[in-house]
Amino acid sequence: MVTQLGFGQPMGGVAQTAFIVPNLQAAIHHWVANMGTGPFFVLPNLLSPGQTYRGSESTADVTLAMGFAGHMMIELIQPLDENPSVYRETIEKRGYGYHHMGIACDDVEAASADYQTRGYHEAYRAAVPTGGEVIYLDNGTGADIGFIELLPVTPGMNETFTRFWEASRNWDGNDPARPFM
């Protein structure tokens, strides 16, 4: 069993901090110029079949970018439409900014069941290109103070995110926005 991810975060611990942004390219520039974070790896669309929002089919699409600040992954998410989503819900409640923390899980379903015994419920679910499905959890305060995202630690996830982290080590600032895959 993996106890630490290839990019240095512990299994079962916070591996990612995510923010909703109005303009992905401007946000990447801000994080690179002002926080020294990057490079960022851009996924142009995350609209996948079978995603759900609050128990119903979701057709919301986003573009996102992931980069590292030390061992912490920073995810920037730009909604591409006005369709109902955990992202629109947050924007309507309090605007752009902090959205969720991602927890690295070897069994997302078991972790979700455990959180549900503590009063959380599933707000969003979607397949991801690194394998498995992410689940966003809400205990009634998600849009107010942030959601919890359960990240499936698959070999593809660990390999991809470790590659992103390795690119950040001794990064010279060139090529700040790169393809995800």
C-alpha atoms as a PDB file:
ATOM      1  CA  MET A   1       0.000   0.000   0.000  1.00  0.00           C
ATOM      2  CA  VAL A   2       1.246   3.484  -0.901  1.00  0.00           C
ATOM      3  CA  THR A   3       1.787   5.666   2.175  1.00  0.00           C
ATOM      4  CA  GLN A   4       3.297   8.648   0.375  1.00  0.00           C
ATOM      5  CA  LEU A   5       2.607   9.903  -3.125  1.00  0.00           C
ATOM      6  CA  GLY A   6       5.434  10.409  -5.590  1.00  0.00           C
ATOM      7  CA  PHE A   7       5.163  14.173  -5.126  1.00  0.00           C
ATOM      8  CA  GLY A   8       5.665  13.983  -1.360  1.00  0.00           C
ATOM      9  CA  GLN A   9       2.154  14.263   0.082  1.00  0.00           C
ATOM     10  CA  PRO A  10       0.847  11.540   2.432  1.00  0.00           C
ATOM     11  CA  MET A  11      -1.867   9.104   1.403  1.00  0.00           C
ATOM     12  CA  GLY A  12      -5.075  10.178   3.134  1.00  0.00           C
ATOM     13  CA  GLY A  13      -3.831  13.739   3.501  1.00  0.00           C
ATOM     14  CA  VAL A  14      -4.430  16.995   1.675  1.00  0.00           C
ATOM     15  CA  ALA A  15      -2.755  16.751  -1.725  1.00  0.00           C
ATOM     16  CA  GLN A  16      -4.400  19.674  -3.522  1.00  0.00           C
ATOM     17  CA  THR A  17      -5.820  23.137  -2.957  1.00  0.00           C
ATOM     18  CA  ALA A  18      -8.218  24.399  -5.642  1.00  0.00           C
ATOM     19  CA  PHE A  19      -9.467  27.814  -6.713  1.00  0.00           C
ATOM     20  CA  ILE A  20     -12.202  28.914  -9.133  1.00  0.00           C
ATOM     21  CA  VAL A  21     -10.994  31.605 -11.516  1.00  0.00           C
ATOM     22  CA  PRO A  22     -12.745  33.758 -14.143  1.00  0.00           C
ATOM     23  CA  ASN A  23      -9.858  33.498 -16.632  1.00  0.00           C
ATOM     24  CA  LEU A  24      -7.482  30.541 -16.548  1.00  0.00           C
ATOM     25  CA  GLN A  25      -4.626  32.163 -18.475  1.00  0.00           C
ATOM     26  CA  ALA A  26      -4.720  35.286 -16.296  1.00  0.00           C
ATOM     27  CA  ALA A  27      -4.786  33.113 -13.164  1.00  0.00           C
ATOM     28  CA  ILE A  28      -1.798  31.081 -14.353  1.00  0.00           C
ATOM     29  CA  HIS A  29       0.092  34.313 -15.002  1.00  0.00           C
ATOM     30  CA  HIS A  30      -0.803  35.589 -11.496  1.00  0.00           C
ATOM     31  CA  TRP A  31       0.324  32.405  -9.750  1.00  0.00           C
ATOM     32  CA  VAL A  32       3.554  32.218 -11.742  1.00  0.00           C
ATOM     33  CA  ALA A  33       4.450  35.924 -11.396  1.00  0.00           C
ATOM     34  CA  ASN A  34       3.397  36.475  -7.788  1.00  0.00           C
ATOM     35  CA  MET A  35       3.767  33.117  -6.057  1.00  0.00           C
ATOM     36  CA  GLY A  36       6.482  31.405  -8.096  1.00  0.00           C
ATOM     37  CA  THR A  37       4.146  28.466  -8.685  1.00  0.00           C
ATOM     38  CA  GLY A  38       4.350  26.397 -11.830  1.00  0.00           C
ATOM     39  CA  PRO A  39       4.568  25.321 -14.488  1.00  0.00           C
ATOM     40  CA  PHE A  40       0.856  24.628 -14.915  1.00  0.00           C
ATOM     41  CA  PHE A  41      -0.531  21.709 -16.892  1.00  0.00           C
ATOM     42  CA  VAL A  42      -3.778  22.596 -18.685  1.00  0.00           C
ATOM     43  CA  LEU A  43      -6.732  20.291 -19.318  1.00  0.00           C
ATOM     44  CA  PRO A  44      -8.959  22.183 -21.788  1.00  0.00           C
ATOM     45  CA  ASN A  45     -12.252  20.412 -20.988  1.00  0.00           C
ATOM     46  CA  LEU A  46     -13.406  18.158 -18.160  1.00  0.00           C
ATOM     47  CA  LEU A  47     -16.910  17.481 -19.447  1.00  0.00           C
ATOM     48  CA  SER A  48     -17.146  13.702 -19.333  1.00  0.00           C
ATOM     49  CA  PRO A  49     -20.118  11.376 -19.743  1.00  0.00           C
ATOM     50  CA  GLY A  50     -21.687  10.176 -16.510  1.00  0.00           C
ATOM     51  CA  GLN A  51     -20.757  13.090 -14.284  1.00  0.00           C
ATOM     52  CA  THR A  52     -23.363  14.004 -11.680  1.00  0.00           C
ATOM     53  CA  TYR A  53     -24.159  17.127  -9.696  1.00  0.00           C
ATOM     54  CA  ARG A  54     -26.397  16.821  -6.635  1.00  0.00           C
ATOM     55  CA  GLY A  55     -27.721  13.455  -7.865  1.00  0.00           C
ATOM     56  CA  SER A  56     -28.593  14.503 -11.429  1.00  0.00           C
ATOM     57  CA  GLU A  57     -26.681  14.294 -14.679  1.00  0.00           C
ATOM     58  CA  SER A  58     -24.285  17.223 -15.038  1.00  0.00           C
ATOM     59  CA  THR A  59     -23.408  18.945 -18.290  1.00  0.00           C
ATOM     60  CA  ALA A  60     -21.173  21.608 -16.786  1.00  0.00           C
ATOM     61  CA  ASP A  61     -17.771  21.975 -18.423  1.00  0.00           C
ATOM     62  CA  VAL A  62     -14.582  23.463 -17.016  1.00  0.00           C
ATOM     63  CA  THR A  63     -11.006  23.980 -18.074  1.00  0.00           C
ATOM     64  CA  LEU A  64      -8.384  23.541 -15.408  1.00  0.00           C
ATOM     65  CA  ALA A  65      -4.689  23.777 -14.736  1.00  0.00           C
ATOM     66  CA  MET A  66      -2.522  22.095 -12.133  1.00  0.00           C
ATOM     67  CA  GLY A  67       0.863  23.215 -10.874  1.00  0.00           C
ATOM     68  CA  PHE A  68       2.915  22.853  -7.721  1.00  0.00           C
ATOM     69  CA  ALA A  69       3.950  25.142  -4.890  1.00  0.00           C
ATOM     70  CA  GLY A  70       6.488  22.937  -3.125  1.00  0.00           C
ATOM     71  CA  HIS A  71       4.697  19.631  -2.536  1.00  0.00           C
ATOM     72  CA  MET A  72       1.196  21.168  -2.649  1.00  0.00           C
ATOM     73  CA  MET A  73      -0.704  20.898  -5.912  1.00  0.00           C
ATOM     74  CA  ILE A  74      -2.553  24.067  -6.873  1.00  0.00           C
ATOM     75  CA  GLU A  75      -5.571  23.566  -9.129  1.00  0.00           C
ATOM     76  CA  LEU A  76      -7.104  26.482 -11.020  1.00  0.00           C
ATOM     77  CA  ILE A  77     -10.611  25.893 -12.419  1.00  0.00           C
ATOM     78  CA  GLN A  78     -12.438  28.079 -14.946  1.00  0.00           C
ATOM     79  CA  PRO A  79     -16.115  27.238 -15.618  1.00  0.00           C
ATOM     80  CA  LEU A  80     -16.856  27.320 -19.351  1.00  0.00           C
ATOM     81  CA  ASP A  81     -20.640  27.611 -19.144  1.00  0.00           C
ATOM     82  CA  GLU A  82     -23.491  28.647 -16.871  1.00  0.00           C
ATOM     83  CA  ASN A  83     -24.751  25.093 -16.247  1.00  0.00           C
ATOM     84  CA  PRO A  84     -25.433  24.071 -12.634  1.00  0.00           C
ATOM     85  CA  SER A  85     -22.302  22.802 -10.854  1.00  0.00           C
ATOM     86  CA  VAL A  86     -20.384  22.929  -7.604  1.00  0.00           C
ATOM     87  CA  TYR A  87     -18.360  25.692  -9.254  1.00  0.00           C
ATOM     88  CA  ARG A  88     -21.356  27.865 -10.219  1.00  0.00           C
ATOM     89  CA  GLU A  89     -22.845  27.220  -6.780  1.00  0.00           C
ATOM     90  CA  THR A  90     -19.743  28.695  -5.150  1.00  0.00           C
ATOM     91  CA  ILE A  91     -19.462  31.631  -7.566  1.00  0.00           C
ATOM     92  CA  GLU A  92     -23.105  32.549  -6.933  1.00  0.00           C
ATOM     93  CA  LYS A  93     -22.684  32.224  -3.145  1.00  0.00           C
ATOM     94  CA  ARG A  94     -19.402  34.110  -2.629  1.00  0.00           C
ATOM     95  CA  GLY A  95     -17.616  34.664  -5.915  1.00  0.00           C
ATOM     96  CA  TYR A  96     -14.325  33.380  -7.280  1.00  0.00           C
ATOM     97  CA  GLY A  97     -11.496  32.102  -5.109  1.00  0.00           C
ATOM     98  CA  TYR A  98     -10.935  29.119  -2.841  1.00  0.00           C
ATOM     99  CA  HIS A  99     -13.091  26.108  -3.750  1.00  0.00           C
ATOM    100  CA  HIS A 100     -11.871  22.819  -2.236  1.00  0.00           C
ATOM    101  CA  MET A 101      -9.147  20.689  -0.708  1.00  0.00           C
ATOM    102  CA  GLY A 102      -8.317  17.392  -2.405  1.00  0.00           C
ATOM    103  CA  ILE A 103      -7.673  14.352  -0.213  1.00  0.00           C
ATOM    104  CA  ALA A 104      -5.610  11.481  -1.682  1.00  0.00           C
ATOM    105  CA  CYS A 105      -7.535   8.189  -1.303  1.00  0.00           C
ATOM    106  CA  ASP A 106      -6.715   4.625  -2.214  1.00  0.00           C
ATOM    107  CA  ASP A 107     -10.464   3.801  -2.101  1.00  0.00           C
ATOM    108  CA  VAL A 108     -12.666   6.798  -2.961  1.00  0.00           C
ATOM    109  CA  GLU A 109     -15.925   4.884  -2.395  1.00  0.00           C
ATOM    110  CA  ALA A 110     -14.902   3.744   1.101  1.00  0.00           C
ATOM    111  CA  ALA A 111     -13.687   7.242   1.989  1.00  0.00           C
ATOM    112  CA  SER A 112     -16.977   8.718   0.742  1.00  0.00           C
ATOM    113  CA  ALA A 113     -18.975   6.246   2.850  1.00  0.00           C
ATOM    114  CA  ASP A 114     -16.894   7.202   5.898  1.00  0.00           C
ATOM    115  CA  TYR A 115     -17.490  10.922   5.341  1.00  0.00           C
ATOM    116  CA  GLN A 116     -21.210  10.262   4.852  1.00  0.00           C
ATOM    117  CA  THR A 117     -21.367   8.748   8.364  1.00  0.00           C
ATOM    118  CA  ARG A 118     -20.137  12.184   9.526  1.00  0.00           C
ATOM    119  CA  GLY A 119     -22.906  14.133   7.803  1.00  0.00           C
ATOM    120  CA  TYR A 120     -21.371  14.738   4.377  1.00  0.00           C
ATOM    121  CA  HIS A 121     -23.154  13.962   1.123  1.00  0.00           C
ATOM    122  CA  GLU A 122     -22.023  13.636  -2.462  1.00  0.00           C
ATOM    123  CA  ALA A 123     -22.272  16.928  -4.345  1.00  0.00           C
ATOM    124  CA  TYR A 124     -20.409  16.019  -7.538  1.00  0.00           C
ATOM    125  CA  ARG A 125     -18.827  12.986  -9.200  1.00  0.00           C
ATOM    126  CA  ALA A 126     -16.849  12.722 -12.431  1.00  0.00           C
ATOM    127  CA  ALA A 127     -14.427  10.437 -14.206  1.00  0.00           C
ATOM    128  CA  VAL A 128     -10.941  11.900 -14.528  1.00  0.00           C
ATOM    129  CA  PRO A 129      -8.266  11.308 -17.190  1.00  0.00           C
ATOM    130  CA  THR A 130      -5.781   9.861 -14.672  1.00  0.00           C
ATOM    131  CA  GLY A 131      -8.175   7.005 -13.787  1.00  0.00           C
ATOM    132  CA  GLY A 132     -11.134   6.542 -11.478  1.00  0.00           C
ATOM    133  CA  GLU A 133     -13.664   9.118 -10.364  1.00  0.00           C
ATOM    134  CA  VAL A 134     -13.381  12.125  -8.084  1.00  0.00           C
ATOM    135  CA  ILE A 135     -16.121  12.795  -5.558  1.00  0.00           C
ATOM    136  CA  TYR A 136     -16.822  16.213  -4.053  1.00  0.00           C
ATOM    137  CA  LEU A 137     -18.403  16.126  -0.610  1.00  0.00           C
ATOM    138  CA  ASP A 138     -20.503  18.732   1.138  1.00  0.00           C
ATOM    139  CA  ASN A 139     -21.762  18.891   4.716  1.00  0.00           C
ATOM    140  CA  GLY A 140     -23.997  21.870   4.001  1.00  0.00           C
ATOM    141  CA  THR A 141     -21.178  24.411   3.988  1.00  0.00           C
ATOM    142  CA  GLY A 142     -19.404  23.535   0.720  1.00  0.00           C
ATOM    143  CA  ALA A 143     -20.332  26.670  -1.187  1.00  0.00           C
ATOM    144  CA  ASP A 144     -19.719  28.765   1.935  1.00  0.00           C
ATOM    145  CA  ILE A 145     -16.319  27.527   3.098  1.00  0.00           C
ATOM    146  CA  GLY A 146     -15.199  24.878   0.601  1.00  0.00           C
ATOM    147  CA  PHE A 147     -15.807  21.327  -0.500  1.00  0.00           C
ATOM    148  CA  ILE A 148     -13.746  18.200   0.100  1.00  0.00           C
ATOM    149  CA  GLU A 149     -12.651  16.367  -3.023  1.00  0.00           C
ATOM    150  CA  LEU A 150     -11.702  12.718  -2.787  1.00  0.00           C
ATOM    151  CA  LEU A 151      -8.885  12.040  -5.268  1.00  0.00           C
ATOM    152  CA  PRO A 152      -8.465   8.446  -6.474  1.00  0.00           C
ATOM    153  CA  VAL A 153      -4.827   7.439  -6.164  1.00  0.00           C
ATOM    154  CA  THR A 154      -4.441   5.340  -9.273  1.00  0.00           C
ATOM    155  CA  PRO A 155      -1.096   4.545 -10.881  1.00  0.00           C
ATOM    156  CA  GLY A 156      -2.004   7.091 -13.582  1.00  0.00           C
ATOM    157  CA  MET A 157      -2.786   9.790 -11.012  1.00  0.00           C
ATOM    158  CA  ASN A 158       0.381   9.273  -9.018  1.00  0.00           C
ATOM    159  CA  GLU A 159       2.522   9.147 -12.164  1.00  0.00           C
ATOM    160  CA  THR A 160       0.902  12.220 -13.764  1.00  0.00           C
ATOM    161  CA  PHE A 161       0.945  14.410 -10.661  1.00  0.00           C
ATOM    162  CA  THR A 162       4.494  13.322  -9.816  1.00  0.00           C
ATOM    163  CA  ARG A 163       5.524  14.348 -13.363  1.00  0.00           C
ATOM    164  CA  PHE A 164       3.937  17.776 -12.762  1.00  0.00           C
ATOM    165  CA  TRP A 165       5.793  18.119  -9.432  1.00  0.00           C
ATOM    166  CA  GLU A 166       9.102  17.068 -10.984  1.00  0.00           C
ATOM    167  CA  ALA A 167       8.636  19.748 -13.664  1.00  0.00           C
ATOM    168  CA  SER A 168       8.287  22.335 -10.878  1.00  0.00           C
ATOM    169  CA  ARG A 169      11.575  21.430  -9.240  1.00  0.00           C
ATOM    170  CA  ASN A 170      14.249  23.904 -10.328  1.00  0.00           C
ATOM    171  CA  TRP A 171      11.811  25.313 -12.893  1.00  0.00           C
ATOM    172  CA  ASP A 172      13.287  28.281 -14.768  1.00  0.00           C
ATOM    173  CA  GLY A 173       9.956  30.048 -15.410  1.00  0.00           C
ATOM    174  CA  ASN A 174       9.795  29.160 -19.097  1.00  0.00           C
ATOM    175  CA  ASP A 175       6.760  27.559 -20.726  1.00  0.00           C
ATOM    176  CA  PRO A 176       4.355  28.245 -17.810  1.00  0.00           C
ATOM    177  CA  ALA A 177       1.250  26.640 -19.439  1.00  0.00           C
ATOM    178  CA  ARG A 178       1.737  23.126 -20.805  1.00  0.00           C
ATOM    179  CA  PRO A 179      -0.517  20.328 -22.083  1.00  0.00           C
ATOM    180  CA  PHE A 180      -1.967  18.072 -19.365  1.00  0.00           C
ATOM    181  CA  MET A 181      -1.099  14.778 -21.037  1.00  0.00           C
END
